[in-house]
Amino acid sequence: MTPFLRAMAVWEGEACARSFDEEIRTLLLTGIVISTPTFFGAMRPVCSAWDYHTATDPIYVAEPGQADCWHVHVAAGDWRYGSRFLLENPLAFIQFERNNCLRIYRSDKFIPRMA
């Protein structure tokens, strides 16, 4: 299964506020979508102080200079590619959801473990 198809499968296995298509379409406007044969990821810059709803809804965009965190909406495949992007575009924190619970980590501690 390709990374793109594995990312789509996340929406089938969890309760999600939006469809996969809605999420990715919005992130094409407000964030970053990376799709290669070995990695698929969608993320956007956010403020680490934002509440759960604002941090996870791709419609919200951080003001220039406000973002201090990458919110990873979905990632599948070889994380070395995704971690390379995050290292080249550093923000202080990285966050993602696991089982609809928001997790936040310091980028300088988290990303090197993924590379």
PDB file of N, CA and C in Angstrom:
ATOM      1  N   MET A   1       0.850  -1.180   0.000  1.00  0.00           N
ATOM      2  CA  MET A   1       0.000   0.000   0.000  1.00  0.00           C
ATOM      3  C   MET A   1       0.895   1.243   0.000  1.00  0.00           C
ATOM      4  N   THR A   2       0.573   2.209  -0.824  1.00  0.00           N
ATOM      5  CA  THR A   2       1.375   3.426  -0.917  1.00  0.00           C
ATOM      6  C   THR A   2       1.162   4.300   0.326  1.00  0.00           C
ATOM      7  N   PRO A   3       2.098   5.204   0.607  1.00  0.00           N
ATOM      8  CA  PRO A   3       1.904   6.123   1.732  1.00  0.00           C
ATOM      9  C   PRO A   3       0.619   6.937   1.609  1.00  0.00           C
ATOM     10  N   PHE A   4       0.268   7.355   0.394  1.00  0.00           N
ATOM     11  CA  PHE A   4      -0.968   8.102   0.203  1.00  0.00           C
ATOM     12  C   PHE A   4      -2.181   7.268   0.624  1.00  0.00           C
ATOM     13  N   LEU A   5      -2.236   6.020   0.203  1.00  0.00           N
ATOM     14  CA  LEU A   5      -3.364   5.155   0.562  1.00  0.00           C
ATOM     15  C   LEU A   5      -3.381   4.854   2.062  1.00  0.00           C
ATOM     16  N   ARG A   6      -2.200   4.708   2.684  1.00  0.00           N
ATOM     17  CA  ARG A   6      -2.150   4.515   4.134  1.00  0.00           C
ATOM     18  C   ARG A   6      -2.664   5.745   4.868  1.00  0.00           C
ATOM     19  N   ALA A   7      -2.339   6.943   4.360  1.00  0.00           N
ATOM     20  CA  ALA A   7      -2.847   8.183   4.963  1.00  0.00           C
ATOM     21  C   ALA A   7      -4.367   8.245   4.842  1.00  0.00           C
ATOM     22  N   MET A   8      -4.903   7.889   3.681  1.00  0.00           N
ATOM     23  CA  MET A   8      -6.362   7.865   3.503  1.00  0.00           C
ATOM     24  C   MET A   8      -7.020   6.904   4.477  1.00  0.00           C
ATOM     25  N   ALA A   9      -6.361   5.794   4.752  1.00  0.00           N
ATOM     26  CA  ALA A   9      -6.929   4.775   5.643  1.00  0.00           C
ATOM     27  C   ALA A   9      -7.096   5.283   7.067  1.00  0.00           C
ATOM     28  N   VAL A  10      -6.301   6.269   7.463  1.00  0.00           N
ATOM     29  CA  VAL A  10      -6.443   6.850   8.806  1.00  0.00           C
ATOM     30  C   VAL A  10      -7.853   7.384   8.992  1.00  0.00           C
ATOM     31  N   TRP A  11      -8.390   8.034   7.959  1.00  0.00           N
ATOM     32  CA  TRP A  11      -9.736   8.614   8.056  1.00  0.00           C
ATOM     33  C   TRP A  11     -10.807   7.531   8.155  1.00  0.00           C
ATOM     34  N   GLU A  12     -10.526   6.360   7.634  1.00  0.00           N
ATOM     35  CA  GLU A  12     -11.496   5.273   7.724  1.00  0.00           C
ATOM     36  C   GLU A  12     -11.475   4.621   9.101  1.00  0.00           C
ATOM     37  N   GLY A  13     -10.345   4.711   9.804  1.00  0.00           N
ATOM     38  CA  GLY A  13     -10.188   4.026  11.077  1.00  0.00           C
ATOM     39  C   GLY A  13     -10.435   4.876  12.309  1.00  0.00           C
ATOM     40  N   GLU A  14     -10.616   6.194  12.133  1.00  0.00           N
ATOM     41  CA  GLU A  14     -10.814   7.087  13.282  1.00  0.00           C
ATOM     42  C   GLU A  14     -11.978   8.024  13.008  1.00  0.00           C
ATOM     43  N   ALA A  15     -12.567   8.519  14.083  1.00  0.00           N
ATOM     44  CA  ALA A  15     -13.580   9.553  13.945  1.00  0.00           C
ATOM     45  C   ALA A  15     -12.875  10.858  13.585  1.00  0.00           C
ATOM     46  N   CYS A  16     -13.262  11.454  12.471  1.00  0.00           N
ATOM     47  CA  CYS A  16     -12.627  12.681  11.998  1.00  0.00           C
ATOM     48  C   CYS A  16     -13.686  13.742  11.717  1.00  0.00           C
ATOM     49  N   ALA A  17     -13.334  14.992  11.990  1.00  0.00           N
ATOM     50  CA  ALA A  17     -14.276  16.091  11.809  1.00  0.00           C
ATOM     51  C   ALA A  17     -14.554  16.382  10.331  1.00  0.00           C
ATOM     52  N   ARG A  18     -13.586  16.091   9.468  1.00  0.00           N
ATOM     53  CA  ARG A  18     -13.702  16.353   8.042  1.00  0.00           C
ATOM     54  C   ARG A  18     -13.310  15.107   7.268  1.00  0.00           C
ATOM     55  N   SER A  19     -13.711  15.051   6.019  1.00  0.00           N
ATOM     56  CA  SER A  19     -13.285  13.938   5.173  1.00  0.00           C
ATOM     57  C   SER A  19     -11.814  14.136   4.812  1.00  0.00           C
ATOM     58  N   PHE A  20     -11.170  13.075   4.362  1.00  0.00           N
ATOM     59  CA  PHE A  20      -9.783  13.155   3.919  1.00  0.00           C
ATOM     60  C   PHE A  20      -9.643  14.185   2.800  1.00  0.00           C
ATOM     61  N   ASP A  21     -10.563  14.145   1.835  1.00  0.00           N
ATOM     62  CA  ASP A  21     -10.511  15.089   0.718  1.00  0.00           C
ATOM     63  C   ASP A  21     -10.610  16.532   1.193  1.00  0.00           C
ATOM     64  N   GLU A  22     -11.540  16.818   2.115  1.00  0.00           N
ATOM     65  CA  GLU A  22     -11.675  18.178   2.655  1.00  0.00           C
ATOM     66  C   GLU A  22     -10.395  18.624   3.366  1.00  0.00           C
ATOM     67  N   GLU A  23      -9.847  17.740   4.166  1.00  0.00           N
ATOM     68  CA  GLU A  23      -8.642  18.063   4.937  1.00  0.00           C
ATOM     69  C   GLU A  23      -7.475  18.398   4.011  1.00  0.00           C
ATOM     70  N   ILE A  24      -7.224  17.542   3.035  1.00  0.00           N
ATOM     71  CA  ILE A  24      -6.089  17.741   2.139  1.00  0.00           C
ATOM     72  C   ILE A  24      -6.315  18.948   1.239  1.00  0.00           C
ATOM     73  N   ARG A  25      -7.520  19.125   0.746  1.00  0.00           N
ATOM     74  CA  ARG A  25      -7.823  20.290  -0.097  1.00  0.00           C
ATOM     75  C   ARG A  25      -7.562  21.589   0.665  1.00  0.00           C
ATOM     76  N   THR A  26      -7.983  21.644   1.924  1.00  0.00           N
ATOM     77  CA  THR A  26      -7.763  22.846   2.730  1.00  0.00           C
ATOM     78  C   THR A  26      -6.280  23.034   3.012  1.00  0.00           C
ATOM     79  N   LEU A  27      -5.568  21.938   3.309  1.00  0.00           N
ATOM     80  CA  LEU A  27      -4.138  22.044   3.607  1.00  0.00           C
ATOM     81  C   LEU A  27      -3.319  22.447   2.375  1.00  0.00           C
ATOM     82  N   LEU A  28      -3.818  22.192   1.196  1.00  0.00           N
ATOM     83  CA  LEU A  28      -3.143  22.689  -0.006  1.00  0.00           C
ATOM     84  C   LEU A  28      -3.157  24.216  -0.037  1.00  0.00           C
ATOM     85  N   LEU A  29      -4.126  24.827   0.640  1.00  0.00           N
ATOM     86  CA  LEU A  29      -4.235  26.288   0.707  1.00  0.00           C
ATOM     87  C   LEU A  29      -3.568  26.873   1.953  1.00  0.00           C
ATOM     88  N   THR A  30      -3.600  26.147   3.061  1.00  0.00           N
ATOM     89  CA  THR A  30      -3.155  26.722   4.336  1.00  0.00           C
ATOM     90  C   THR A  30      -1.899  26.095   4.908  1.00  0.00           C
ATOM     91  N   GLY A  31      -1.430  25.028   4.315  1.00  0.00           N
ATOM     92  CA  GLY A  31      -0.297  24.309   4.893  1.00  0.00           C
ATOM     93  C   GLY A  31       0.628  23.760   3.838  1.00  0.00           C
ATOM     94  N   ILE A  32       1.192  22.606   4.143  1.00  0.00           N
ATOM     95  CA  ILE A  32       2.157  21.930   3.279  1.00  0.00           C
ATOM     96  C   ILE A  32       1.664  20.501   3.063  1.00  0.00           C
ATOM     97  N   VAL A  33       1.641  20.061   1.823  1.00  0.00           N
ATOM     98  CA  VAL A  33       1.326  18.667   1.506  1.00  0.00           C
ATOM     99  C   VAL A  33       2.502  18.108   0.711  1.00  0.00           C
ATOM    100  N   ILE A  34       3.072  17.025   1.204  1.00  0.00           N
ATOM    101  CA  ILE A  34       4.204  16.377   0.549  1.00  0.00           C
ATOM    102  C   ILE A  34       3.755  14.987   0.117  1.00  0.00           C
ATOM    103  N   SER A  35       3.910  14.699  -1.158  1.00  0.00           N
ATOM    104  CA  SER A  35       3.524  13.385  -1.656  1.00  0.00           C
ATOM    105  C   SER A  35       4.622  12.861  -2.574  1.00  0.00           C
ATOM    106  N   THR A  36       5.251  11.773  -2.147  1.00  0.00           N
ATOM    107  CA  THR A  36       6.266  11.097  -2.955  1.00  0.00           C
ATOM    108  C   THR A  36       5.912   9.607  -2.953  1.00  0.00           C
ATOM    109  N   PRO A  37       6.585   8.799  -3.742  1.00  0.00           N
ATOM    110  CA  PRO A  37       6.312   7.366  -3.710  1.00  0.00           C
ATOM    111  C   PRO A  37       6.623   6.718  -2.356  1.00  0.00           C
ATOM    112  N   THR A  38       7.450   7.368  -1.522  1.00  0.00           N
ATOM    113  CA  THR A  38       7.833   6.760  -0.243  1.00  0.00           C
ATOM    114  C   THR A  38       7.305   7.488   0.982  1.00  0.00           C
ATOM    115  N   PHE A  39       6.733   8.699   0.815  1.00  0.00           N
ATOM    116  CA  PHE A  39       6.237   9.471   1.969  1.00  0.00           C
ATOM    117  C   PHE A  39       5.054  10.335   1.561  1.00  0.00           C
ATOM    118  N   PHE A  40       4.066  10.392   2.448  1.00  0.00           N
ATOM    119  CA  PHE A  40       2.958  11.335   2.291  1.00  0.00           C
ATOM    120  C   PHE A  40       2.780  12.033   3.622  1.00  0.00           C
ATOM    121  N   GLY A  41       2.728  13.355   3.593  1.00  0.00           N
ATOM    122  CA  GLY A  41       2.522  14.114   4.822  1.00  0.00           C
ATOM    123  C   GLY A  41       1.781  15.403   4.544  1.00  0.00           C
ATOM    124  N   ALA A  42       0.998  15.832   5.522  1.00  0.00           N
ATOM    125  CA  ALA A  42       0.282  17.104   5.434  1.00  0.00           C
ATOM    126  C   ALA A  42       0.396  17.779   6.793  1.00  0.00           C
ATOM    127  N   MET A  43       0.870  19.012   6.794  1.00  0.00           N
ATOM    128  CA  MET A  43       1.095  19.738   8.041  1.00  0.00           C
ATOM    129  C   MET A  43       0.908  21.225   7.800  1.00  0.00           C
ATOM    130  N   ARG A  44       0.797  21.959   8.897  1.00  0.00           N
ATOM    131  CA  ARG A  44       0.715  23.407   8.763  1.00  0.00           C
ATOM    132  C   ARG A  44       1.294  24.057  10.004  1.00  0.00           C
ATOM    133  N   PRO A  45       1.800  25.295   9.848  1.00  0.00           N
ATOM    134  CA  PRO A  45       2.333  26.004  11.006  1.00  0.00           C
ATOM    135  C   PRO A  45       1.200  26.552  11.874  1.00  0.00           C
ATOM    136  N   VAL A  46       1.318  26.349  13.175  1.00  0.00           N
ATOM    137  CA  VAL A  46       0.310  26.801  14.134  1.00  0.00           C
ATOM    138  C   VAL A  46       1.008  27.431  15.337  1.00  0.00           C
ATOM    139  N   CYS A  47       0.219  27.921  16.258  1.00  0.00           N
ATOM    140  CA  CYS A  47       0.728  28.455  17.521  1.00  0.00           C
ATOM    141  C   CYS A  47       0.531  27.383  18.592  1.00  0.00           C
ATOM    142  N   SER A  48       1.577  27.054  19.317  1.00  0.00           N
ATOM    143  CA  SER A  48       1.489  25.977  20.311  1.00  0.00           C
ATOM    144  C   SER A  48       0.485  26.277  21.420  1.00  0.00           C
ATOM    145  N   ALA A  49       0.109  27.529  21.603  1.00  0.00           N
ATOM    146  CA  ALA A  49      -0.856  27.899  22.649  1.00  0.00           C
ATOM    147  C   ALA A  49      -2.307  27.763  22.186  1.00  0.00           C
ATOM    148  N   TRP A  50      -2.515  27.487  20.902  1.00  0.00           N
ATOM    149  CA  TRP A  50      -3.884  27.354  20.412  1.00  0.00           C
ATOM    150  C   TRP A  50      -4.584  26.180  21.079  1.00  0.00           C
ATOM    151  N   ASP A  51      -5.918  26.310  21.226  1.00  0.00           N
ATOM    152  CA  ASP A  51      -6.706  25.210  21.771  1.00  0.00           C
ATOM    153  C   ASP A  51      -6.808  24.083  20.738  1.00  0.00           C
ATOM    154  N   TYR A  52      -7.312  22.950  21.174  1.00  0.00           N
ATOM    155  CA  TYR A  52      -7.405  21.747  20.337  1.00  0.00           C
ATOM    156  C   TYR A  52      -8.122  22.028  19.018  1.00  0.00           C
ATOM    157  N   HIS A  53      -9.288  22.653  19.085  1.00  0.00           N
ATOM    158  CA  HIS A  53     -10.087  22.878  17.885  1.00  0.00           C
ATOM    159  C   HIS A  53      -9.335  23.739  16.872  1.00  0.00           C
ATOM    160  N   THR A  54      -8.737  24.823  17.312  1.00  0.00           N
ATOM    161  CA  THR A  54      -8.029  25.721  16.404  1.00  0.00           C
ATOM    162  C   THR A  54      -6.785  25.054  15.837  1.00  0.00           C
ATOM    163  N   ALA A  55      -6.067  24.315  16.672  1.00  0.00           N
ATOM    164  CA  ALA A  55      -4.836  23.652  16.229  1.00  0.00           C
ATOM    165  C   ALA A  55      -5.106  22.565  15.202  1.00  0.00           C
ATOM    166  N   THR A  56      -6.229  21.875  15.316  1.00  0.00           N
ATOM    167  CA  THR A  56      -6.493  20.734  14.442  1.00  0.00           C
ATOM    168  C   THR A  56      -7.327  21.070  13.210  1.00  0.00           C
ATOM    169  N   ASP A  57      -7.952  22.237  13.182  1.00  0.00           N
ATOM    170  CA  ASP A  57      -8.788  22.617  12.042  1.00  0.00           C
ATOM    171  C   ASP A  57      -7.920  23.336  11.007  1.00  0.00           C
ATOM    172  N   PRO A  58      -7.757  22.760   9.824  1.00  0.00           N
ATOM    173  CA  PRO A  58      -6.836  23.327   8.844  1.00  0.00           C
ATOM    174  C   PRO A  58      -7.246  24.685   8.286  1.00  0.00           C
ATOM    175  N   ILE A  59      -8.427  25.144   8.595  1.00  0.00           N
ATOM    176  CA  ILE A  59      -8.872  26.441   8.088  1.00  0.00           C
ATOM    177  C   ILE A  59      -8.171  27.602   8.797  1.00  0.00           C
ATOM    178  N   TYR A  60      -7.695  27.372  10.035  1.00  0.00           N
ATOM    179  CA  TYR A  60      -7.050  28.441  10.794  1.00  0.00           C
ATOM    180  C   TYR A  60      -5.596  28.588  10.375  1.00  0.00           C
ATOM    181  N   VAL A  61      -5.191  29.828  10.156  1.00  0.00           N
ATOM    182  CA  VAL A  61      -3.839  30.136   9.700  1.00  0.00           C
ATOM    183  C   VAL A  61      -3.177  31.067  10.714  1.00  0.00           C
ATOM    184  N   ALA A  62      -1.967  30.742  11.107  1.00  0.00           N
ATOM    185  CA  ALA A  62      -1.223  31.589  12.040  1.00  0.00           C
ATOM    186  C   ALA A  62      -0.780  32.868  11.333  1.00  0.00           C
ATOM    187  N   GLU A  63      -0.808  33.963  12.063  1.00  0.00           N
ATOM    188  CA  GLU A  63      -0.289  35.224  11.536  1.00  0.00           C
ATOM    189  C   GLU A  63       1.217  35.100  11.340  1.00  0.00           C
ATOM    190  N   PRO A  64       1.778  35.834  10.393  1.00  0.00           N
ATOM    191  CA  PRO A  64       3.235  35.794  10.210  1.00  0.00           C
ATOM    192  C   PRO A  64       3.963  36.083  11.533  1.00  0.00           C
ATOM    193  N   GLY A  65       4.923  35.243  11.851  1.00  0.00           N
ATOM    194  CA  GLY A  65       5.688  35.394  13.085  1.00  0.00           C
ATOM    195  C   GLY A  65       5.039  34.784  14.314  1.00  0.00           C
ATOM    196  N   GLN A  66       3.773  34.395  14.226  1.00  0.00           N
ATOM    197  CA  GLN A  66       3.069  33.802  15.370  1.00  0.00           C
ATOM    198  C   GLN A  66       3.342  32.309  15.503  1.00  0.00           C
ATOM    199  N   ALA A  67       3.487  31.610  14.400  1.00  0.00           N
ATOM    200  CA  ALA A  67       3.625  30.153  14.427  1.00  0.00           C
ATOM    201  C   ALA A  67       4.929  29.736  15.094  1.00  0.00           C
ATOM    202  N   ASP A  68       4.810  28.796  16.027  1.00  0.00           N
ATOM    203  CA  ASP A  68       5.992  28.230  16.690  1.00  0.00           C
ATOM    204  C   ASP A  68       5.935  26.703  16.711  1.00  0.00           C
ATOM    205  N   CYS A  69       5.002  26.139  15.908  1.00  0.00           N
ATOM    206  CA  CYS A  69       4.751  24.704  15.980  1.00  0.00           C
ATOM    207  C   CYS A  69       4.248  24.193  14.633  1.00  0.00           C
ATOM    208  N   TRP A  70       4.709  23.000  14.248  1.00  0.00           N
ATOM    209  CA  TRP A  70       4.146  22.304  13.091  1.00  0.00           C
ATOM    210  C   TRP A  70       3.075  21.356  13.595  1.00  0.00           C
ATOM    211  N   HIS A  71       1.852  21.489  13.100  1.00  0.00           N
ATOM    212  CA  HIS A  71       0.810  20.503  13.393  1.00  0.00           C
ATOM    213  C   HIS A  71       0.791  19.521  12.220  1.00  0.00           C
ATOM    214  N   VAL A  72       1.103  18.268  12.488  1.00  0.00           N
ATOM    215  CA  VAL A  72       1.106  17.230  11.462  1.00  0.00           C
ATOM    216  C   VAL A  72      -0.288  16.609  11.431  1.00  0.00           C
ATOM    217  N   HIS A  73      -1.001  16.845  10.354  1.00  0.00           N
ATOM    218  CA  HIS A  73      -2.357  16.311  10.216  1.00  0.00           C
ATOM    219  C   HIS A  73      -2.322  14.834   9.872  1.00  0.00           C
ATOM    220  N   VAL A  74      -1.374  14.450   9.027  1.00  0.00           N
ATOM    221  CA  VAL A  74      -1.229  13.047   8.666  1.00  0.00           C
ATOM    222  C   VAL A  74       0.174  12.834   8.102  1.00  0.00           C
ATOM    223  N   ALA A  75       0.722  11.664   8.372  1.00  0.00           N
ATOM    224  CA  ALA A  75       2.021  11.289   7.812  1.00  0.00           C
ATOM    225  C   ALA A  75       2.058   9.771   7.675  1.00  0.00           C
ATOM    226  N   ALA A  76       2.595   9.319   6.557  1.00  0.00           N
ATOM    227  CA  ALA A  76       2.709   7.885   6.313  1.00  0.00           C
ATOM    228  C   ALA A  76       3.927   7.639   5.436  1.00  0.00           C
ATOM    229  N   GLY A  77       4.579   6.528   5.691  1.00  0.00           N
ATOM    230  CA  GLY A  77       5.727   6.154   4.884  1.00  0.00           C
ATOM    231  C   GLY A  77       7.040   6.450   5.581  1.00  0.00           C
ATOM    232  N   ASP A  78       8.064   6.686   4.796  1.00  0.00           N
ATOM    233  CA  ASP A  78       9.427   6.897   5.288  1.00  0.00           C
ATOM    234  C   ASP A  78       9.559   8.298   5.881  1.00  0.00           C
ATOM    235  N   TRP A  79       9.568   8.370   7.211  1.00  0.00           N
ATOM    236  CA  TRP A  79       9.587   9.652   7.908  1.00  0.00           C
ATOM    237  C   TRP A  79      10.876  10.423   7.705  1.00  0.00           C
ATOM    238  N   ARG A  80      11.910   9.812   7.171  1.00  0.00           N
ATOM    239  CA  ARG A  80      13.155  10.553   6.935  1.00  0.00           C
ATOM    240  C   ARG A  80      12.926  11.737   6.007  1.00  0.00           C
ATOM    241  N   TYR A  81      12.040  11.583   5.029  1.00  0.00           N
ATOM    242  CA  TYR A  81      11.743  12.685   4.120  1.00  0.00           C
ATOM    243  C   TYR A  81      10.991  13.794   4.852  1.00  0.00           C
ATOM    244  N   GLY A  82       9.989  13.425   5.611  1.00  0.00           N
ATOM    245  CA  GLY A  82       9.216  14.415   6.368  1.00  0.00           C
ATOM    246  C   GLY A  82      10.058  15.120   7.411  1.00  0.00           C
ATOM    247  N   SER A  83      10.917  14.377   8.097  1.00  0.00           N
ATOM    248  CA  SER A  83      11.755  14.996   9.122  1.00  0.00           C
ATOM    249  C   SER A  83      12.775  15.931   8.483  1.00  0.00           C
ATOM    250  N   ARG A  84      13.228  15.613   7.282  1.00  0.00           N
ATOM    251  CA  ARG A  84      14.165  16.506   6.584  1.00  0.00           C
ATOM    252  C   ARG A  84      13.484  17.845   6.289  1.00  0.00           C
ATOM    253  N   PHE A  85      12.220  17.806   5.843  1.00  0.00           N
ATOM    254  CA  PHE A  85      11.480  19.053   5.609  1.00  0.00           C
ATOM    255  C   PHE A  85      11.369  19.856   6.905  1.00  0.00           C
ATOM    256  N   LEU A  86      11.030  19.194   8.010  1.00  0.00           N
ATOM    257  CA  LEU A  86      10.865  19.890   9.282  1.00  0.00           C
ATOM    258  C   LEU A  86      12.186  20.475   9.772  1.00  0.00           C
ATOM    259  N   LEU A  87      13.287  19.783   9.537  1.00  0.00           N
ATOM    260  CA  LEU A  87      14.594  20.304   9.925  1.00  0.00           C
ATOM    261  C   LEU A  87      14.985  21.517   9.084  1.00  0.00           C
ATOM    262  N   GLU A  88      14.599  21.514   7.823  1.00  0.00           N
ATOM    263  CA  GLU A  88      14.914  22.635   6.936  1.00  0.00           C
ATOM    264  C   GLU A  88      13.995  23.833   7.163  1.00  0.00           C
ATOM    265  N   ASN A  89      12.866  23.618   7.825  1.00  0.00           N
ATOM    266  CA  ASN A  89      11.878  24.665   8.106  1.00  0.00           C
ATOM    267  C   ASN A  89      11.521  24.611   9.593  1.00  0.00           C
ATOM    268  N   PRO A  90      12.480  24.918  10.461  1.00  0.00           N
ATOM    269  CA  PRO A  90      12.301  24.651  11.891  1.00  0.00           C
ATOM    270  C   PRO A  90      11.297  25.573  12.590  1.00  0.00           C
ATOM    271  N   LEU A  91      10.530  24.963  13.454  1.00  0.00           N
ATOM    272  CA  LEU A  91       9.705  25.649  14.436  1.00  0.00           C
ATOM    273  C   LEU A  91       9.988  24.967  15.770  1.00  0.00           C
ATOM    274  N   ALA A  92       9.729  25.637  16.868  1.00  0.00           N
ATOM    275  CA  ALA A  92      10.126  25.139  18.194  1.00  0.00           C
ATOM    276  C   ALA A  92       9.452  23.823  18.581  1.00  0.00           C
ATOM    277  N   PHE A  93       8.220  23.608  18.113  1.00  0.00           N
ATOM    278  CA  PHE A  93       7.459  22.434  18.536  1.00  0.00           C
ATOM    279  C   PHE A  93       6.893  21.685  17.332  1.00  0.00           C
ATOM    280  N   ILE A  94       6.522  20.450  17.586  1.00  0.00           N
ATOM    281  CA  ILE A  94       5.796  19.629  16.619  1.00  0.00           C
ATOM    282  C   ILE A  94       4.650  18.974  17.385  1.00  0.00           C
ATOM    283  N   GLN A  95       3.484  18.934  16.760  1.00  0.00           N
ATOM    284  CA  GLN A  95       2.341  18.297  17.411  1.00  0.00           C
ATOM    285  C   GLN A  95       1.564  17.467  16.404  1.00  0.00           C
ATOM    286  N   PHE A  96       0.829  16.512  16.941  1.00  0.00           N
ATOM    287  CA  PHE A  96      -0.006  15.648  16.126  1.00  0.00           C
ATOM    288  C   PHE A  96      -1.050  15.036  17.038  1.00  0.00           C
ATOM    289  N   GLU A  97      -2.028  14.395  16.431  1.00  0.00           N
ATOM    290  CA  GLU A  97      -3.062  13.691  17.195  1.00  0.00           C
ATOM    291  C   GLU A  97      -2.785  12.200  17.177  1.00  0.00           C
ATOM    292  N   ARG A  98      -3.022  11.578  18.288  1.00  0.00           N
ATOM    293  CA  ARG A  98      -3.030  10.122  18.355  1.00  0.00           C
ATOM    294  C   ARG A  98      -4.285   9.751  19.128  1.00  0.00           C
ATOM    295  N   ASN A  99      -5.140   8.958  18.527  1.00  0.00           N
ATOM    296  CA  ASN A  99      -6.425   8.582  19.123  1.00  0.00           C
ATOM    297  C   ASN A  99      -7.224   9.820  19.541  1.00  0.00           C
ATOM    298  N   ASN A 100      -7.222  10.828  18.654  1.00  0.00           N
ATOM    299  CA  ASN A 100      -7.941  12.085  18.866  1.00  0.00           C
ATOM    300  C   ASN A 100      -7.499  12.829  20.123  1.00  0.00           C
ATOM    301  N   CYS A 101      -6.254  12.640  20.517  1.00  0.00           N
ATOM    302  CA  CYS A 101      -5.662  13.359  21.648  1.00  0.00           C
ATOM    303  C   CYS A 101      -4.433  14.104  21.123  1.00  0.00           C
ATOM    304  N   LEU A 102      -4.360  15.398  21.379  1.00  0.00           N
ATOM    305  CA  LEU A 102      -3.264  16.212  20.879  1.00  0.00           C
ATOM    306  C   LEU A 102      -1.995  15.969  21.683  1.00  0.00           C
ATOM    307  N   ARG A 103      -0.890  15.720  20.972  1.00  0.00           N
ATOM    308  CA  ARG A 103       0.434  15.518  21.590  1.00  0.00           C
ATOM    309  C   ARG A 103       1.348  16.620  21.072  1.00  0.00           C
ATOM    310  N   ILE A 104       2.167  17.195  21.940  1.00  0.00           N
ATOM    311  CA  ILE A 104       3.102  18.238  21.534  1.00  0.00           C
ATOM    312  C   ILE A 104       4.478  17.935  22.110  1.00  0.00           C
ATOM    313  N   TYR A 105       5.500  18.117  21.271  1.00  0.00           N
ATOM    314  CA  TYR A 105       6.875  17.818  21.658  1.00  0.00           C
ATOM    315  C   TYR A 105       7.794  18.932  21.178  1.00  0.00           C
ATOM    316  N   ARG A 106       8.903  19.094  21.843  1.00  0.00           N
ATOM    317  CA  ARG A 106       9.937  20.013  21.375  1.00  0.00           C
ATOM    318  C   ARG A 106      10.557  19.418  20.113  1.00  0.00           C
ATOM    319  N   SER A 107      10.638  20.217  19.071  1.00  0.00           N
ATOM    320  CA  SER A 107      11.168  19.730  17.795  1.00  0.00           C
ATOM    321  C   SER A 107      12.600  19.235  17.916  1.00  0.00           C
ATOM    322  N   ASP A 108      13.425  19.942  18.682  1.00  0.00           N
ATOM    323  CA  ASP A 108      14.830  19.549  18.768  1.00  0.00           C
ATOM    324  C   ASP A 108      15.026  18.215  19.464  1.00  0.00           C
ATOM    325  N   LYS A 109      14.025  17.738  20.196  1.00  0.00           N
ATOM    326  CA  LYS A 109      14.080  16.424  20.829  1.00  0.00           C
ATOM    327  C   LYS A 109      13.406  15.353  19.977  1.00  0.00           C
ATOM    328  N   PHE A 110      12.321  15.719  19.311  1.00  0.00           N
ATOM    329  CA  PHE A 110      11.485  14.762  18.598  1.00  0.00           C
ATOM    330  C   PHE A 110      11.992  14.440  17.193  1.00  0.00           C
ATOM    331  N   ILE A 111      12.279  15.456  16.410  1.00  0.00           N
ATOM    332  CA  ILE A 111      12.605  15.251  14.996  1.00  0.00           C
ATOM    333  C   ILE A 111      13.864  14.414  14.788  1.00  0.00           C
ATOM    334  N   PRO A 112      14.949  14.635  15.542  1.00  0.00           N
ATOM    335  CA  PRO A 112      16.134  13.785  15.318  1.00  0.00           C
ATOM    336  C   PRO A 112      15.857  12.282  15.518  1.00  0.00           C
ATOM    337  N   ARG A 113      14.908  11.951  16.363  1.00  0.00           N
ATOM    338  CA  ARG A 113      14.569  10.540  16.565  1.00  0.00           C
ATOM    339  C   ARG A 113      13.869   9.958  15.340  1.00  0.00           C
ATOM    340  N   MET A 114      13.247  10.812  14.535  1.00  0.00           N
ATOM    341  CA  MET A 114      12.527  10.357  13.358  1.00  0.00           C
ATOM    342  C   MET A 114      13.414  10.259  12.130  1.00  0.00           C
ATOM    343  N   ALA A 115      14.549  10.942  12.146  1.00  0.00           N
ATOM    344  CA  ALA A 115      15.430  10.998  10.971  1.00  0.00           C
ATOM    345  C   ALA A 115      16.156   9.689  10.742  1.00  0.00           C
TER     346      ALA A 115
END
